[in-house]
N, C-alpha and C. Protein backbone atom coordinates (compact mmCIF):
# COMPACT_ATOMS: atom_id res chain seq x y z
N MET A 1 0.85 -1.35 -0.46
CA MET A 1 0.21 0.47 0.24
C MET A 1 0.76 1.48 0.13
N ARG A 2 0.63 2.31 -0.38
CA ARG A 2 1.48 3.27 -0.70
C ARG A 2 0.44 4.75 -0.25
N ILE A 3 1.18 5.30 0.32
CA ILE A 3 0.24 6.11 1.07
C ILE A 3 1.48 7.62 1.12
N ALA A 4 0.62 8.85 0.41
CA ALA A 4 1.17 10.00 -0.07
C ALA A 4 0.60 11.04 1.21
N VAL A 5 1.93 11.91 1.69
CA VAL A 5 1.74 12.79 2.54
C VAL A 5 2.36 13.89 1.56
N LEU A 6 1.50 15.31 2.41
CA LEU A 6 2.01 16.41 1.66
C LEU A 6 1.78 17.30 2.16
N TYR A 7 2.70 18.20 2.95
CA TYR A 7 2.92 18.78 4.44
C TYR A 7 3.70 20.21 4.09
N VAL A 8 3.92 20.93 5.16
CA VAL A 8 4.35 21.88 5.13
C VAL A 8 5.39 21.75 6.21
N GLY A 9 6.45 21.83 6.50
CA GLY A 9 7.44 22.31 7.92
C GLY A 9 8.40 21.05 7.64
N SER A 10 9.31 20.79 8.21
CA SER A 10 10.70 19.83 8.58
C SER A 10 10.34 19.35 9.58
N SER A 11 9.42 18.99 10.31
CA SER A 11 9.24 17.99 11.49
C SER A 11 8.50 17.24 11.30
N LEU A 12 8.17 16.73 9.91
CA LEU A 12 6.82 15.62 10.04
C LEU A 12 7.43 14.49 9.57
N LEU A 13 8.72 14.82 8.48
CA LEU A 13 9.38 13.58 7.91
C LEU A 13 10.01 12.57 9.15
N ALA A 14 10.57 12.73 10.14
CA ALA A 14 11.02 11.82 10.57
C ALA A 14 10.25 11.09 11.34
N PRO A 15 8.94 11.30 12.34
CA PRO A 15 7.82 10.86 12.47
C PRO A 15 7.52 9.93 11.27
N LEU A 16 7.15 9.94 10.64
CA LEU A 16 6.53 9.19 8.81
C LEU A 16 7.34 8.02 9.41
N ARG A 17 8.59 8.13 8.71
CA ARG A 17 9.36 7.45 8.55
C ARG A 17 9.22 6.48 9.60
N ASN A 18 9.64 6.79 10.92
CA ASN A 18 9.39 5.70 11.82
C ASN A 18 8.20 5.25 12.03
N ALA A 19 6.66 6.34 11.21
CA ALA A 19 5.48 5.34 11.66
C ALA A 19 5.71 4.45 10.44
N GLU A 20 5.90 4.17 9.67
CA GLU A 20 6.19 3.64 8.45
C GLU A 20 7.14 2.45 8.66
N GLN A 21 7.91 1.88 9.10
CA GLN A 21 9.06 1.06 9.97
C GLN A 21 8.36 0.28 10.68
N GLU A 22 7.35 1.24 12.36
CA GLU A 22 6.73 0.72 12.79
C GLU A 22 5.81 -0.36 11.93
N ILE A 23 4.93 -0.07 11.42
CA ILE A 23 3.54 -0.70 10.80
C ILE A 23 4.25 -1.53 10.17
N ASN A 24 5.36 -1.52 9.13
CA ASN A 24 6.18 -2.78 7.98
C ASN A 24 6.20 -3.88 9.33
N ARG A 25 7.11 -3.86 10.04
CA ARG A 25 7.59 -4.20 10.88
C ARG A 25 6.59 -5.55 12.24
N ARG A 26 5.78 -4.60 12.84
CA ARG A 26 4.25 -4.94 13.43
C ARG A 26 3.83 -5.94 12.63
N HIS A 27 3.15 -5.44 11.17
CA HIS A 27 2.33 -6.21 10.55
C HIS A 27 2.44 -6.97 9.36
N GLY A 28 3.74 -6.92 9.28
CA GLY A 28 4.12 -7.40 7.57
C GLY A 28 3.11 -6.86 6.60
N LEU A 29 3.69 -5.85 6.32
CA LEU A 29 2.68 -4.53 5.77
C LEU A 29 4.11 -4.77 4.11
N ASP A 30 3.56 -4.10 3.23
CA ASP A 30 4.05 -3.43 2.48
C ASP A 30 3.87 -2.19 2.09
N LEU A 31 3.95 -1.55 3.41
CA LEU A 31 3.83 -0.11 3.47
C LEU A 31 4.91 0.99 3.24
N ARG A 32 4.54 1.90 1.45
CA ARG A 32 5.61 3.31 1.92
C ARG A 32 4.50 4.50 1.62
N VAL A 33 5.33 5.18 2.05
CA VAL A 33 5.03 6.60 2.26
C VAL A 33 5.74 7.12 1.41
N VAL A 34 5.33 7.98 0.49
CA VAL A 34 6.27 8.91 0.02
C VAL A 34 5.53 10.37 0.74
N ALA A 35 6.63 11.37 1.14
CA ALA A 35 5.91 12.77 1.65
C ALA A 35 6.52 13.79 0.34
N HIS A 36 5.94 14.86 0.44
CA HIS A 36 6.52 16.01 0.08
C HIS A 36 6.42 16.61 0.50
N ASN A 37 7.27 17.83 1.08
CA ASN A 37 7.24 19.33 1.79
C ASN A 37 7.36 20.07 1.03
N PHE A 38 6.08 20.73 1.31
CA PHE A 38 5.39 21.67 0.47
C PHE A 38 5.87 23.20 1.29
N GLY A 39 6.68 23.15 1.44
CA GLY A 39 7.11 24.54 2.33
C GLY A 39 8.10 25.47 1.34
N ALA A 40 8.73 24.68 0.15
CA ALA A 40 9.24 25.17 -0.64
C ALA A 40 8.80 24.88 -2.06
N VAL A 41 9.12 25.99 -3.37
CA VAL A 41 8.69 25.90 -4.48
C VAL A 41 9.70 24.61 -5.31
N PHE A 42 8.47 23.73 -6.31
CA PHE A 42 8.95 22.72 -6.68
C PHE A 42 9.47 23.36 -7.97
N SER A 43 10.32 21.82 -8.31
CA SER A 43 11.15 22.49 -10.03
C SER A 43 9.91 21.65 -10.55
N ASP A 44 9.90 21.61 -12.18
CA ASP A 44 9.41 20.77 -12.94
C ASP A 44 9.62 19.69 -12.85
N GLU A 45 11.21 19.22 -12.18
CA GLU A 45 11.13 17.69 -12.25
C GLU A 45 10.84 16.89 -10.84
N GLU A 46 10.56 18.13 -10.02
CA GLU A 46 9.76 17.59 -8.38
C GLU A 46 7.94 17.51 -8.44
N TRP A 47 7.97 18.06 -9.75
CA TRP A 47 6.12 18.17 -9.96
C TRP A 47 5.78 16.90 -10.51
N SER A 48 6.79 16.61 -10.99
CA SER A 48 6.87 15.35 -12.14
C SER A 48 6.51 13.97 -11.24
N GLY A 49 7.25 14.09 -10.61
CA GLY A 49 7.80 12.82 -8.98
C GLY A 49 6.38 13.33 -7.98
N ILE A 50 5.99 14.36 -7.84
CA ILE A 50 4.49 14.20 -7.05
C ILE A 50 3.74 14.03 -8.30
N GLU A 51 3.03 14.27 -9.17
CA GLU A 51 2.48 13.38 -9.62
C GLU A 51 2.49 12.01 -10.43
N THR A 52 3.87 11.45 -10.03
CA THR A 52 3.80 10.36 -10.45
C THR A 52 3.40 9.27 -9.19
N ASP A 53 4.16 9.88 -8.18
CA ASP A 53 3.37 9.73 -6.53
C ASP A 53 1.87 9.81 -6.39
N LEU A 54 1.03 10.85 -6.50
CA LEU A 54 -0.38 10.84 -6.45
C LEU A 54 -0.88 9.88 -7.22
N ARG A 55 -0.61 9.14 -8.88
CA ARG A 55 -1.21 8.50 -9.48
C ARG A 55 -1.20 7.47 -9.26
N ASP A 56 -0.42 6.80 -8.55
CA ASP A 56 0.67 5.74 -7.46
C ASP A 56 0.37 4.73 -6.50
N THR A 57 0.00 6.52 -5.25
CA THR A 57 -0.49 6.20 -4.16
C THR A 57 -2.15 5.51 -4.00
N ASP A 58 -2.41 4.93 -2.68
CA ASP A 58 -3.76 4.51 -2.73
C ASP A 58 -4.45 5.78 -1.79
N VAL A 59 -3.35 6.18 -0.90
CA VAL A 59 -3.86 6.90 0.18
C VAL A 59 -3.50 8.10 0.08
N VAL A 60 -4.32 9.51 -0.12
CA VAL A 60 -3.45 10.98 0.54
C VAL A 60 -3.90 11.20 1.46
N PHE A 61 -2.87 12.16 2.42
CA PHE A 61 -3.39 12.99 3.29
C PHE A 61 -2.87 13.92 2.50
N VAL A 62 -3.00 15.46 3.04
CA VAL A 62 -2.30 16.46 2.78
C VAL A 62 -2.78 17.48 4.32
N ILE A 63 -1.90 18.07 4.47
CA ILE A 63 -1.40 18.68 5.65
C ILE A 63 -0.96 19.67 5.46
N HIS A 64 -2.10 21.23 5.62
CA HIS A 64 -1.85 22.36 6.24
C HIS A 64 -0.40 23.04 4.52
N VAL A 65 -1.17 22.29 3.71
CA VAL A 65 -0.34 22.94 2.31
C VAL A 65 -1.25 24.28 2.08
N MET A 66 -0.79 25.58 2.08
CA MET A 66 -1.37 27.11 1.94
C MET A 66 -1.01 27.56 0.89
N ASP A 67 0.57 27.46 0.80
CA ASP A 67 1.11 28.16 -0.25
C ASP A 67 0.54 28.45 -1.60
N GLY A 68 0.64 29.50 -2.21
CA GLY A 68 -0.32 29.68 -3.28
C GLY A 68 -0.27 29.22 -4.68
N GLU A 69 0.52 29.16 -5.10
CA GLU A 69 1.64 28.22 -6.26
C GLU A 69 1.70 27.12 -6.03
N ASN A 70 2.15 26.72 -5.27
CA ASN A 70 1.84 25.08 -4.37
C ASN A 70 0.52 24.28 -4.46
N ALA A 71 -0.06 25.34 -4.00
CA ALA A 71 -1.57 24.63 -3.91
C ALA A 71 -2.28 24.85 -4.53
N ALA A 72 -2.17 25.36 -5.68
CA ALA A 72 -2.79 25.96 -6.62
C ALA A 72 -2.66 24.53 -7.74
N ARG A 73 -1.37 24.57 -8.25
CA ARG A 73 -0.75 23.28 -8.99
C ARG A 73 -1.29 22.40 -8.03
N LEU A 74 -1.23 21.46 -6.79
CA LEU A 74 -1.67 20.92 -6.14
C LEU A 74 -3.25 20.42 -6.45
N ILE A 75 -4.19 21.43 -6.56
CA ILE A 75 -5.44 21.35 -6.90
C ILE A 75 -5.99 20.48 -8.19
N ALA A 76 -5.06 20.51 -9.15
CA ALA A 76 -5.82 20.31 -10.08
C ALA A 76 -4.92 18.29 -9.82
N LEU A 77 -3.86 18.12 -9.18
CA LEU A 77 -3.40 16.93 -9.51
C LEU A 77 -4.49 15.77 -8.16
N LEU A 78 -4.99 16.68 -7.41
CA LEU A 78 -5.97 15.95 -6.51
C LEU A 78 -6.93 16.13 -7.12
N ASP A 79 -7.83 17.00 -8.11
CA ASP A 79 -8.79 16.47 -8.68
C ASP A 79 -8.62 15.23 -9.57
N GLN A 80 -7.70 15.25 -10.13
CA GLN A 80 -7.24 13.47 -10.65
C GLN A 80 -7.61 12.63 -10.15
N TYR A 81 -6.76 12.42 -8.62
CA TYR A 81 -6.53 11.45 -7.90
C TYR A 81 -7.84 11.25 -7.41
N ARG A 82 -8.84 12.84 -7.12
CA ARG A 82 -10.18 11.98 -6.40
C ARG A 82 -11.34 11.43 -7.73
N GLN A 83 -11.13 11.28 -8.84
CA GLN A 83 -11.70 10.61 -9.69
C GLN A 83 -11.43 9.25 -9.64
N ARG A 84 -10.43 9.23 -9.75
CA ARG A 84 -9.56 7.92 -10.10
C ARG A 84 -10.31 7.37 -8.59
N VAL A 85 -10.44 7.30 -7.30
CA VAL A 85 -11.07 7.25 -6.43
C VAL A 85 -12.58 6.95 -6.43
N ARG A 86 -13.40 8.43 -6.88
CA ARG A 86 -14.66 8.25 -7.82
C ARG A 86 -15.42 6.76 -8.50
N ALA A 87 -13.89 6.37 -9.08
CA ALA A 87 -14.34 5.20 -10.24
C ALA A 87 -14.15 3.79 -9.10
N LEU A 88 -14.12 3.96 -8.09
CA LEU A 88 -14.17 2.95 -7.37
C LEU A 88 -14.85 2.04 -7.04
N THR A 89 -15.22 0.64 -7.35
CA THR A 89 -16.68 0.51 -6.94
C THR A 89 -17.10 -0.07 -5.65
N PRO A 90 -17.88 -1.02 -5.46
CA PRO A 90 -18.25 -1.56 -4.42
C PRO A 90 -16.58 -2.52 -3.61
N GLN A 91 -17.04 -3.23 -4.89
CA GLN A 91 -16.33 -4.76 -5.05
C GLN A 91 -14.82 -4.03 -4.96
N ASP A 92 -14.38 -3.30 -5.61
CA ASP A 92 -13.45 -2.74 -5.05
C ASP A 92 -12.87 -2.32 -3.81
N VAL A 93 -13.30 -2.21 -2.88
CA VAL A 93 -13.29 -1.13 -1.93
C VAL A 93 -13.13 -2.40 -0.86
N LEU A 94 -14.28 -3.55 -1.03
CA LEU A 94 -14.55 -4.90 -0.96
C LEU A 94 -13.13 -5.99 -0.43
N ALA A 95 -12.71 -5.57 -2.51
CA ALA A 95 -11.33 -6.59 -2.18
C ALA A 95 -10.28 -5.39 -1.19
N ALA A 96 -10.39 -3.89 -1.26
CA ALA A 96 -8.42 -4.38 -0.21
C ALA A 96 -9.58 -3.91 0.73
N ALA A 97 -10.86 -4.35 1.77
CA ALA A 97 -10.35 -4.11 2.99
C ALA A 97 -10.44 -5.19 3.13
N ARG A 98 -10.35 -6.36 2.77
CA ARG A 98 -10.18 -7.94 2.89
C ARG A 98 -8.51 -8.23 3.05
N LYS A 99 -7.64 -7.41 1.88
CA LYS A 99 -6.92 -7.22 2.36
C LYS A 99 -6.13 -6.79 3.05
N TYR A 100 -6.05 -5.86 3.23
CA TYR A 100 -5.41 -5.03 4.82
C TYR A 100 -6.25 -5.00 6.02
N LEU A 101 -7.75 -5.00 6.63
CA LEU A 101 -7.95 -5.11 7.31
C LEU A 101 -8.26 -6.51 7.87
N ASP A 102 -7.47 -6.85 9.00
CA ASP A 102 -7.88 -8.18 9.71
C ASP A 102 -8.53 -7.89 11.07
N SER A 103 -10.58 -8.14 10.48
CA SER A 103 -11.73 -7.96 11.21
C SER A 103 -11.43 -8.73 12.74
N ALA A 104 -10.51 -9.86 12.80
CA ALA A 104 -10.40 -10.50 14.13
C ALA A 104 -9.73 -9.57 15.16
N ASN A 105 -9.12 -8.50 14.57
CA ASN A 105 -8.42 -7.42 15.57
C ASN A 105 -8.32 -6.65 15.36
N MET A 106 -10.02 -6.52 15.02
CA MET A 106 -10.24 -4.39 14.58
C MET A 106 -10.71 -3.93 16.41
N GLN A 107 -10.82 -2.63 16.11
CA GLN A 107 -11.05 -2.42 17.66
C GLN A 107 -12.09 -0.97 16.79
N ILE A 108 -13.28 -0.46 17.27
CA ILE A 108 -14.41 0.55 17.39
C ILE A 108 -14.01 1.40 18.31
N VAL A 109 -13.79 2.46 17.82
CA VAL A 109 -13.01 3.56 18.54
C VAL A 109 -14.61 4.55 18.51
N ALA A 110 -15.79 5.51 19.47
CA ALA A 110 -17.01 5.12 19.37
C ALA A 110 -16.63 7.30 20.48
N VAL A 111 -16.47 8.33 20.09
CA VAL A 111 -17.28 9.35 20.86
C VAL A 111 -17.94 10.50 20.66
N GLY A 112 -18.39 10.60 22.24
CA GLY A 112 -19.63 11.21 22.30
C GLY A 112 -19.99 11.17 23.00
N ASP A 113 -21.81 11.21 23.16
CA ASP A 113 -22.15 11.43 24.16
C ASP A 113 -22.66 9.94 24.13
N ARG A 114 -22.20 9.78 25.99
CA ARG A 114 -22.60 8.05 26.49
C ARG A 114 -23.63 7.66 26.49
N ALA A 115 -24.67 8.42 26.49
CA ALA A 115 -26.30 8.20 26.85
C ALA A 115 -26.61 7.92 25.30
N GLN A 116 -26.07 8.33 24.41
CA GLN A 116 -26.37 8.49 22.80
C GLN A 116 -25.78 7.42 22.24
N ILE A 117 -25.10 6.68 22.27
CA ILE A 117 -24.22 6.00 21.88
C ILE A 117 -24.05 4.99 22.12
N GLU A 118 -23.92 4.73 23.64
CA GLU A 118 -23.75 3.75 23.97
C GLU A 118 -24.90 2.21 23.59
N SER A 119 -25.92 2.11 23.42
CA SER A 119 -26.85 1.26 22.90
C SER A 119 -26.59 0.73 21.94
N GLN A 120 -26.01 1.63 21.12
CA GLN A 120 -26.04 1.07 19.27
C GLN A 120 -24.60 0.97 19.56
N ALA A 121 -23.45 1.33 20.05
CA ALA A 121 -22.30 0.28 20.71
C ALA A 121 -21.91 -0.74 20.65
N ALA A 122 -22.96 -0.81 21.76
CA ALA A 122 -23.23 -2.31 22.35
C ALA A 122 -23.53 -3.60 21.47
N LEU A 123 -24.36 -3.03 20.25
CA LEU A 123 -24.36 -3.89 19.10
C LEU A 123 -22.85 -4.72 18.43
N PHE A 124 -22.17 -4.30 18.71
CA PHE A 124 -20.61 -4.28 18.21
C PHE A 124 -20.21 -5.62 18.90
N GLY A 125 -20.41 -5.70 20.14
CA GLY A 125 -19.41 -6.85 21.33
C GLY A 125 -19.48 -5.45 22.60
N GLU A 126 -18.57 -6.75 23.46
CA GLU A 126 -18.54 -6.35 24.83
C GLU A 126 -17.56 -4.71 24.52
N LEU A 127 -18.34 -3.53 25.72
CA LEU A 127 -17.59 -1.86 25.65
C LEU A 127 -16.54 -1.81 26.35
N GLU A 128 -15.52 -1.27 26.34
CA GLU A 128 -14.86 -0.52 27.41
C GLU A 128 -14.90 1.20 26.93
N VAL A 129 -15.56 1.56 27.85
CA VAL A 129 -15.85 3.15 28.36
C VAL A 129 -14.64 3.88 28.89
N TYR A 130 -14.25 5.12 28.57
CA TYR A 130 -13.29 5.75 29.10
C TYR A 130 -13.38 7.32 29.01
N ASP A 131 -13.02 8.18 30.43
CA ASP A 131 -13.72 9.90 30.39
C ASP A 131 -12.99 9.71 29.38
N ALA A 132 -13.34 11.48 29.33
CA ALA A 132 -11.81 12.51 28.75
C ALA A 132 -10.95 12.14 29.21
N GLN A 133 -10.13 11.93 30.12
CA GLN A 133 -8.81 11.62 30.50
C GLN A 133 -8.24 10.29 30.25
N GLY A 134 -9.20 9.78 29.16
CA GLY A 134 -8.09 8.36 29.46
C GLY A 134 -8.36 7.35 30.27
N LYS A 135 -9.12 7.52 31.09
CA LYS A 135 -9.60 6.81 32.79
C LYS A 135 -10.12 6.08 32.40
N ARG A 136 -10.27 4.24 32.29
CA ARG A 136 -11.54 3.91 32.19
C ARG A 136 -12.63 3.72 33.00
N LEU A 137 -13.91 3.30 32.72
CA LEU A 137 -14.63 3.75 33.48
C LEU A 137 -15.66 2.35 33.42
N GLU A 138 -15.98 2.07 34.81
CA GLU A 138 -16.95 0.87 35.27
C GLU A 138 -18.52 0.90 34.81
């Protein structure tokens, strides 16, 4: 699975690489994160690489890209990605879920008013309830 992360700043790359390595180690995935720092102007060659990465990626995260020139050029590329995602069929999504999700070890996290969501959440199995500070409630 390929994930593209488009961001501004220099502090995000190391944590992304660490997460990529840890996820691959723990789960035996072939996860590849491609990251582009949109804090600088890109050459035409760099834009070509970004376009290739977006064309070949499975998931895209855009974090705080606000520079006018980069943002304007990126919008066209993201429109192409959006068209590709919209062309997916339910069968495509189901095949990807079967490939990447381990339902036996899956957890559901619900956040909200306990009185409103507890009965619905209980339909999925045993509940563990925590307060806003992360303390488990009985």
